[in-house]
Amino acid sequence: MLIPVTRIVMGSGIGTRSLIFPLVISAFPFVARMVEGSLNEVDRGVIEAAQSMGSTAGQIIFKVLLPEALPSLLNGAAIVTVTILGYTAMASAAGGGGLGSIAITKGLNVRKMDIMYAASITLVALVQIITITGNRATRKIDHRKR
């Protein structure tokens, strides 16, 4: 569905370079929803306190909303990164290259299961590293009481 638009924007509809545009388009609503959810988690009382002290809209956004939502934003960024990693692994069907392509073309298609397993295990390890790093960063900066 995006191939004609991708051809116009990126100059080609197939290949590693041309997959950037569809990945951005597919991830954008997911990222926007994560940011919205994170900002909605901020306690309304904190925003009202900033307003009562005469803060401008910009000050409320940059000095209240974003710092208060930062733990949730970091957690959302880790989730989005894992999702996009999954998208890129599946992008090998469109000639995207990467670990998904290695697992399929150099592993599954030529019956070299060791290569396929190595690429798959690498993807799982990347997911775990991203998740653990995101969780640790979130815990480190989260000042809310649990």
N, C-alpha and C. Protein backbone atom coordinates (compact mmCIF):
# COMPACT_ATOMS: atom_id res chain seq x y z
N MET A 1 0.82 -1.19 0.00
CA MET A 1 0.00 0.00 0.00
C MET A 1 0.87 1.26 0.00
N LEU A 2 2.00 1.23 0.69
CA LEU A 2 2.89 2.39 0.73
C LEU A 2 3.95 2.38 -0.36
N ILE A 3 4.01 1.32 -1.16
CA ILE A 3 5.08 1.22 -2.16
C ILE A 3 5.06 2.38 -3.15
N PRO A 4 3.91 2.79 -3.71
CA PRO A 4 3.94 3.93 -4.63
C PRO A 4 4.42 5.23 -3.97
N VAL A 5 3.98 5.46 -2.75
CA VAL A 5 4.41 6.66 -2.03
C VAL A 5 5.89 6.57 -1.69
N THR A 6 6.33 5.38 -1.30
CA THR A 6 7.75 5.19 -0.98
C THR A 6 8.61 5.43 -2.21
N ARG A 7 8.15 4.98 -3.38
CA ARG A 7 8.90 5.23 -4.62
C ARG A 7 9.06 6.72 -4.87
N ILE A 8 8.00 7.48 -4.61
CA ILE A 8 8.07 8.93 -4.82
C ILE A 8 9.02 9.57 -3.82
N VAL A 9 8.89 9.21 -2.56
CA VAL A 9 9.67 9.84 -1.50
C VAL A 9 11.13 9.38 -1.51
N MET A 10 11.35 8.09 -1.61
CA MET A 10 12.70 7.53 -1.46
C MET A 10 13.38 7.20 -2.79
N GLY A 11 12.63 7.19 -3.88
CA GLY A 11 13.22 6.89 -5.19
C GLY A 11 13.17 5.43 -5.56
N SER A 12 12.80 4.56 -4.65
CA SER A 12 12.72 3.12 -4.91
C SER A 12 11.70 2.52 -3.97
N GLY A 13 11.07 1.44 -4.41
CA GLY A 13 10.07 0.78 -3.58
C GLY A 13 10.59 -0.44 -2.87
N ILE A 14 11.78 -0.88 -3.24
CA ILE A 14 12.36 -2.10 -2.66
C ILE A 14 13.80 -1.82 -2.27
N GLY A 15 14.22 -2.44 -1.20
CA GLY A 15 15.61 -2.29 -0.77
C GLY A 15 15.71 -1.74 0.64
N THR A 16 16.91 -1.81 1.16
CA THR A 16 17.14 -1.38 2.54
C THR A 16 16.82 0.09 2.73
N ARG A 17 17.30 0.94 1.82
CA ARG A 17 17.10 2.38 1.95
C ARG A 17 15.62 2.76 1.87
N SER A 18 14.88 2.08 1.02
CA SER A 18 13.47 2.43 0.83
C SER A 18 12.59 1.99 1.99
N LEU A 19 13.09 1.16 2.89
CA LEU A 19 12.28 0.71 4.02
C LEU A 19 12.21 1.73 5.15
N ILE A 20 13.05 2.74 5.11
CA ILE A 20 13.04 3.76 6.16
C ILE A 20 11.69 4.46 6.22
N PHE A 21 11.17 4.87 5.07
CA PHE A 21 9.91 5.60 5.02
C PHE A 21 8.73 4.79 5.59
N PRO A 22 8.50 3.55 5.13
CA PRO A 22 7.39 2.79 5.73
C PRO A 22 7.57 2.49 7.22
N LEU A 23 8.82 2.30 7.65
CA LEU A 23 9.06 2.08 9.08
C LEU A 23 8.67 3.31 9.90
N VAL A 24 9.02 4.48 9.41
CA VAL A 24 8.66 5.72 10.11
C VAL A 24 7.14 5.88 10.14
N ILE A 25 6.50 5.65 9.00
CA ILE A 25 5.04 5.79 8.92
C ILE A 25 4.35 4.78 9.84
N SER A 26 4.85 3.55 9.89
CA SER A 26 4.20 2.54 10.73
C SER A 26 4.44 2.78 12.21
N ALA A 27 5.59 3.35 12.56
CA ALA A 27 5.91 3.57 13.98
C ALA A 27 5.33 4.87 14.52
N PHE A 28 5.07 5.84 13.66
CA PHE A 28 4.63 7.16 14.11
C PHE A 28 3.38 7.12 15.00
N PRO A 29 2.29 6.44 14.60
CA PRO A 29 1.11 6.42 15.47
C PRO A 29 1.39 5.74 16.81
N PHE A 30 2.21 4.70 16.79
CA PHE A 30 2.56 3.98 18.01
C PHE A 30 3.33 4.89 18.96
N VAL A 31 4.30 5.63 18.42
CA VAL A 31 5.08 6.57 19.24
C VAL A 31 4.18 7.68 19.78
N ALA A 32 3.31 8.21 18.93
CA ALA A 32 2.41 9.29 19.35
C ALA A 32 1.50 8.81 20.49
N ARG A 33 1.02 7.60 20.40
CA ARG A 33 0.14 7.06 21.45
C ARG A 33 0.91 6.85 22.75
N MET A 34 2.16 6.40 22.64
CA MET A 34 2.99 6.24 23.85
C MET A 34 3.24 7.58 24.53
N VAL A 35 3.55 8.60 23.74
CA VAL A 35 3.80 9.93 24.30
C VAL A 35 2.54 10.47 24.95
N GLU A 36 1.40 10.30 24.27
CA GLU A 36 0.14 10.78 24.83
C GLU A 36 -0.16 10.09 26.16
N GLY A 37 0.01 8.78 26.21
CA GLY A 37 -0.23 8.04 27.44
C GLY A 37 0.70 8.48 28.56
N SER A 38 1.96 8.73 28.22
CA SER A 38 2.93 9.18 29.23
C SER A 38 2.56 10.55 29.78
N LEU A 39 2.17 11.46 28.91
CA LEU A 39 1.81 12.80 29.36
C LEU A 39 0.51 12.80 30.16
N ASN A 40 -0.40 11.89 29.82
CA ASN A 40 -1.66 11.80 30.57
C ASN A 40 -1.46 11.22 31.97
N GLU A 41 -0.34 10.53 32.21
CA GLU A 41 -0.05 9.97 33.53
C GLU A 41 0.38 11.03 34.54
N VAL A 42 0.79 12.20 34.06
CA VAL A 42 1.27 13.25 34.96
C VAL A 42 0.12 13.72 35.84
N ASP A 43 0.38 13.80 37.13
CA ASP A 43 -0.63 14.21 38.10
C ASP A 43 -1.15 15.61 37.77
N ARG A 44 -2.44 15.73 37.68
CA ARG A 44 -3.09 17.00 37.34
C ARG A 44 -2.76 18.08 38.38
N GLY A 45 -2.59 17.68 39.63
CA GLY A 45 -2.29 18.62 40.70
C GLY A 45 -0.96 19.32 40.49
N VAL A 46 0.02 18.62 39.92
CA VAL A 46 1.33 19.23 39.66
C VAL A 46 1.19 20.31 38.59
N ILE A 47 0.39 20.03 37.57
CA ILE A 47 0.17 21.01 36.50
C ILE A 47 -0.56 22.22 37.05
N GLU A 48 -1.58 21.98 37.87
CA GLU A 48 -2.34 23.09 38.46
C GLU A 48 -1.46 23.93 39.38
N ALA A 49 -0.56 23.29 40.10
CA ALA A 49 0.36 24.03 40.98
C ALA A 49 1.27 24.95 40.15
N ALA A 50 1.75 24.44 39.03
CA ALA A 50 2.60 25.27 38.16
C ALA A 50 1.81 26.43 37.57
N GLN A 51 0.55 26.18 37.21
CA GLN A 51 -0.29 27.25 36.69
C GLN A 51 -0.54 28.31 37.75
N SER A 52 -0.78 27.88 38.98
CA SER A 52 -1.07 28.84 40.05
C SER A 52 0.14 29.69 40.40
N MET A 53 1.34 29.19 40.09
CA MET A 53 2.56 29.97 40.33
C MET A 53 2.89 30.88 39.15
N GLY A 54 2.01 30.91 38.15
CA GLY A 54 2.19 31.82 37.04
C GLY A 54 3.08 31.30 35.92
N SER A 55 3.26 30.01 35.82
CA SER A 55 4.09 29.44 34.76
C SER A 55 3.40 29.59 33.41
N THR A 56 4.20 29.84 32.38
CA THR A 56 3.66 29.92 31.03
C THR A 56 3.45 28.51 30.50
N ALA A 57 2.77 28.40 29.35
CA ALA A 57 2.52 27.09 28.75
C ALA A 57 3.84 26.38 28.44
N GLY A 58 4.80 27.11 27.91
CA GLY A 58 6.10 26.52 27.60
C GLY A 58 6.81 26.03 28.84
N GLN A 59 6.74 26.81 29.92
CA GLN A 59 7.37 26.38 31.17
C GLN A 59 6.70 25.13 31.72
N ILE A 60 5.39 25.08 31.61
CA ILE A 60 4.67 23.90 32.10
C ILE A 60 5.08 22.66 31.30
N ILE A 61 5.21 22.82 30.00
CA ILE A 61 5.59 21.68 29.16
C ILE A 61 7.00 21.21 29.48
N PHE A 62 7.96 22.16 29.48
CA PHE A 62 9.37 21.78 29.59
C PHE A 62 9.87 21.60 31.02
N LYS A 63 9.22 22.21 31.99
CA LYS A 63 9.70 22.11 33.37
C LYS A 63 8.80 21.26 34.26
N VAL A 64 7.60 20.93 33.78
CA VAL A 64 6.70 20.11 34.59
C VAL A 64 6.32 18.82 33.86
N LEU A 65 5.65 18.95 32.71
CA LEU A 65 5.14 17.77 32.01
C LEU A 65 6.24 16.80 31.60
N LEU A 66 7.23 17.28 30.87
CA LEU A 66 8.28 16.37 30.38
C LEU A 66 9.11 15.75 31.50
N PRO A 67 9.56 16.52 32.50
CA PRO A 67 10.30 15.86 33.59
C PRO A 67 9.46 14.84 34.37
N GLU A 68 8.19 15.15 34.59
CA GLU A 68 7.33 14.22 35.32
C GLU A 68 7.00 12.98 34.50
N ALA A 69 6.91 13.14 33.18
CA ALA A 69 6.56 12.02 32.31
C ALA A 69 7.78 11.24 31.83
N LEU A 70 8.99 11.71 32.15
CA LEU A 70 10.21 11.10 31.63
C LEU A 70 10.34 9.60 31.91
N PRO A 71 10.06 9.11 33.11
CA PRO A 71 10.16 7.65 33.31
C PRO A 71 9.24 6.86 32.38
N SER A 72 8.02 7.33 32.23
CA SER A 72 7.08 6.66 31.34
C SER A 72 7.50 6.80 29.88
N LEU A 73 8.05 7.97 29.52
CA LEU A 73 8.53 8.17 28.15
C LEU A 73 9.70 7.23 27.84
N LEU A 74 10.60 7.05 28.80
CA LEU A 74 11.72 6.12 28.60
C LEU A 74 11.23 4.68 28.45
N ASN A 75 10.29 4.30 29.26
CA ASN A 75 9.71 2.97 29.16
C ASN A 75 9.04 2.78 27.80
N GLY A 76 8.30 3.79 27.37
CA GLY A 76 7.66 3.74 26.06
C GLY A 76 8.67 3.68 24.93
N ALA A 77 9.78 4.41 25.08
CA ALA A 77 10.83 4.39 24.05
C ALA A 77 11.43 2.99 23.92
N ALA A 78 11.60 2.30 25.03
CA ALA A 78 12.12 0.93 24.97
C ALA A 78 11.13 0.01 24.26
N ILE A 79 9.86 0.16 24.56
CA ILE A 79 8.83 -0.66 23.92
C ILE A 79 8.78 -0.38 22.42
N VAL A 80 8.82 0.89 22.05
CA VAL A 80 8.79 1.26 20.64
C VAL A 80 10.03 0.75 19.92
N THR A 81 11.19 0.83 20.56
CA THR A 81 12.42 0.34 19.94
C THR A 81 12.35 -1.15 19.67
N VAL A 82 11.82 -1.91 20.61
CA VAL A 82 11.66 -3.35 20.41
C VAL A 82 10.68 -3.62 19.27
N THR A 83 9.60 -2.86 19.20
CA THR A 83 8.62 -3.03 18.13
C THR A 83 9.24 -2.74 16.77
N ILE A 84 10.00 -1.65 16.68
CA ILE A 84 10.64 -1.30 15.42
C ILE A 84 11.69 -2.34 15.04
N LEU A 85 12.38 -2.90 16.02
CA LEU A 85 13.32 -3.98 15.75
C LEU A 85 12.58 -5.17 15.13
N GLY A 86 11.40 -5.46 15.63
CA GLY A 86 10.58 -6.52 15.04
C GLY A 86 10.16 -6.19 13.63
N TYR A 87 9.78 -4.93 13.39
CA TYR A 87 9.42 -4.49 12.04
C TYR A 87 10.59 -4.69 11.09
N THR A 88 11.80 -4.30 11.53
CA THR A 88 12.96 -4.41 10.64
C THR A 88 13.31 -5.88 10.37
N ALA A 89 13.09 -6.74 11.35
CA ALA A 89 13.34 -8.16 11.12
C ALA A 89 12.37 -8.73 10.09
N MET A 90 11.13 -8.24 10.11
CA MET A 90 10.14 -8.70 9.13
C MET A 90 10.31 -8.03 7.78
N ALA A 91 11.08 -6.96 7.72
CA ALA A 91 11.23 -6.19 6.49
C ALA A 91 12.03 -6.93 5.43
N SER A 92 12.63 -8.04 5.78
CA SER A 92 13.40 -8.79 4.80
C SER A 92 12.53 -9.28 3.65
N ALA A 93 11.22 -9.40 3.88
CA ALA A 93 10.30 -9.80 2.82
C ALA A 93 10.25 -8.76 1.70
N ALA A 94 10.58 -7.51 2.03
CA ALA A 94 10.60 -6.44 1.03
C ALA A 94 12.02 -6.10 0.61
N GLY A 95 12.94 -6.98 0.86
CA GLY A 95 14.33 -6.73 0.46
C GLY A 95 15.07 -5.81 1.39
N GLY A 96 14.69 -5.81 2.65
CA GLY A 96 15.24 -4.86 3.60
C GLY A 96 16.60 -5.18 4.16
N GLY A 97 17.03 -6.40 4.08
CA GLY A 97 18.33 -6.73 4.66
C GLY A 97 18.23 -6.88 6.16
N GLY A 98 19.38 -6.94 6.82
CA GLY A 98 19.42 -7.03 8.27
C GLY A 98 19.40 -8.46 8.76
N LEU A 99 19.21 -8.60 10.07
CA LEU A 99 19.24 -9.93 10.69
C LEU A 99 18.10 -10.83 10.22
N GLY A 100 16.94 -10.24 9.97
CA GLY A 100 15.82 -11.03 9.46
C GLY A 100 16.14 -11.61 8.09
N SER A 101 16.77 -10.82 7.26
CA SER A 101 17.17 -11.28 5.93
C SER A 101 18.22 -12.38 6.02
N ILE A 102 19.18 -12.20 6.92
CA ILE A 102 20.21 -13.23 7.10
C ILE A 102 19.57 -14.54 7.56
N ALA A 103 18.65 -14.45 8.50
CA ALA A 103 17.99 -15.66 9.01
C ALA A 103 17.25 -16.39 7.89
N ILE A 104 16.61 -15.64 7.00
CA ILE A 104 15.83 -16.27 5.94
C ILE A 104 16.70 -16.69 4.75
N THR A 105 17.45 -15.73 4.17
CA THR A 105 18.17 -16.03 2.93
C THR A 105 19.41 -16.90 3.14
N LYS A 106 20.16 -16.66 4.18
CA LYS A 106 21.40 -17.42 4.39
C LYS A 106 21.19 -18.61 5.33
N GLY A 107 20.05 -18.64 5.99
CA GLY A 107 19.77 -19.73 6.92
C GLY A 107 18.68 -20.65 6.43
N LEU A 108 17.45 -20.18 6.46
CA LEU A 108 16.30 -21.02 6.15
C LEU A 108 16.28 -21.48 4.70
N ASN A 109 16.50 -20.56 3.74
CA ASN A 109 16.41 -20.91 2.32
C ASN A 109 17.46 -21.91 1.86
N VAL A 110 18.63 -21.89 2.47
CA VAL A 110 19.69 -22.82 2.06
C VAL A 110 19.89 -23.93 3.09
N ARG A 111 18.96 -24.06 4.00
CA ARG A 111 18.94 -25.11 5.01
C ARG A 111 20.17 -25.10 5.92
N LYS A 112 20.67 -23.92 6.21
CA LYS A 112 21.76 -23.80 7.19
C LYS A 112 21.13 -23.29 8.48
N MET A 113 20.64 -24.24 9.24
CA MET A 113 19.88 -23.90 10.43
C MET A 113 20.73 -23.22 11.50
N ASP A 114 22.03 -23.49 11.52
CA ASP A 114 22.88 -22.83 12.51
C ASP A 114 22.91 -21.32 12.29
N ILE A 115 22.92 -20.88 11.03
CA ILE A 115 22.90 -19.44 10.73
C ILE A 115 21.54 -18.86 11.11
N MET A 116 20.48 -19.59 10.78
CA MET A 116 19.14 -19.10 11.12
C MET A 116 18.98 -18.97 12.63
N TYR A 117 19.43 -19.97 13.37
CA TYR A 117 19.33 -19.92 14.83
C TYR A 117 20.19 -18.80 15.41
N ALA A 118 21.39 -18.62 14.86
CA ALA A 118 22.28 -17.56 15.36
C ALA A 118 21.65 -16.19 15.15
N ALA A 119 21.07 -15.96 13.96
CA ALA A 119 20.42 -14.67 13.70
C ALA A 119 19.21 -14.48 14.60
N SER A 120 18.44 -15.54 14.79
CA SER A 120 17.25 -15.45 15.64
C SER A 120 17.62 -15.21 17.10
N ILE A 121 18.64 -15.91 17.58
CA ILE A 121 19.09 -15.72 18.96
C ILE A 121 19.65 -14.31 19.15
N THR A 122 20.33 -13.80 18.13
CA THR A 122 20.84 -12.42 18.20
C THR A 122 19.69 -11.43 18.32
N LEU A 123 18.62 -11.64 17.56
CA LEU A 123 17.45 -10.76 17.66
C LEU A 123 16.83 -10.83 19.05
N VAL A 124 16.70 -12.02 19.59
CA VAL A 124 16.14 -12.18 20.94
C VAL A 124 17.04 -11.50 21.96
N ALA A 125 18.36 -11.64 21.80
CA ALA A 125 19.30 -11.00 22.72
C ALA A 125 19.18 -9.48 22.64
N LEU A 126 19.04 -8.94 21.42
CA LEU A 126 18.87 -7.49 21.27
C LEU A 126 17.61 -7.01 21.96
N VAL A 127 16.53 -7.77 21.81
CA VAL A 127 15.27 -7.41 22.49
C VAL A 127 15.48 -7.39 24.00
N GLN A 128 16.14 -8.39 24.53
CA GLN A 128 16.38 -8.45 25.97
C GLN A 128 17.27 -7.30 26.45
N ILE A 129 18.31 -6.98 25.69
CA ILE A 129 19.20 -5.88 26.07
C ILE A 129 18.45 -4.56 26.07
N ILE A 130 17.65 -4.32 25.05
CA ILE A 130 16.87 -3.07 24.97
C ILE A 130 15.88 -3.00 26.13
N THR A 131 15.20 -4.10 26.40
CA THR A 131 14.20 -4.13 27.48
C THR A 131 14.84 -3.91 28.84
N ILE A 132 15.91 -4.62 29.13
CA ILE A 132 16.58 -4.48 30.43
C ILE A 132 17.15 -3.08 30.60
N THR A 133 17.77 -2.55 29.55
CA THR A 133 18.33 -1.19 29.62
C THR A 133 17.23 -0.17 29.85
N GLY A 134 16.12 -0.30 29.13
CA GLY A 134 14.99 0.62 29.31
C GLY A 134 14.41 0.55 30.70
N ASN A 135 14.26 -0.67 31.23
CA ASN A 135 13.71 -0.83 32.58
C ASN A 135 14.63 -0.24 33.64
N ARG A 136 15.94 -0.47 33.49
CA ARG A 136 16.89 0.08 34.47
C ARG A 136 16.92 1.61 34.42
N ALA A 137 16.91 2.17 33.22
CA ALA A 137 16.91 3.63 33.10
C ALA A 137 15.64 4.22 33.69
N THR A 138 14.52 3.55 33.45
CA THR A 138 13.25 4.02 34.00
C THR A 138 13.27 3.99 35.52
N ARG A 139 13.74 2.89 36.10
CA ARG A 139 13.81 2.78 37.56
C ARG A 139 14.76 3.81 38.16
N LYS A 140 15.85 4.09 37.46
CA LYS A 140 16.85 5.01 37.99
C LYS A 140 16.31 6.45 38.10
N ILE A 141 15.50 6.88 37.14
CA ILE A 141 15.03 8.27 37.18
C ILE A 141 13.62 8.42 37.72
N ASP A 142 12.96 7.31 38.03
CA ASP A 142 11.59 7.38 38.52
C ASP A 142 11.60 7.77 40.00
N HIS A 143 11.09 8.95 40.31
CA HIS A 143 11.06 9.44 41.69
C HIS A 143 9.70 9.23 42.35
N ARG A 144 8.74 8.69 41.59
CA ARG A 144 7.41 8.47 42.16
C ARG A 144 7.44 7.33 43.16
N LYS A 145 6.62 7.43 44.18
CA LYS A 145 6.54 6.37 45.19
C LYS A 145 5.67 5.24 44.65
N ARG A 146 6.09 4.03 44.93
CA ARG A 146 5.34 2.86 44.45
C ARG A 146 4.84 2.07 45.61
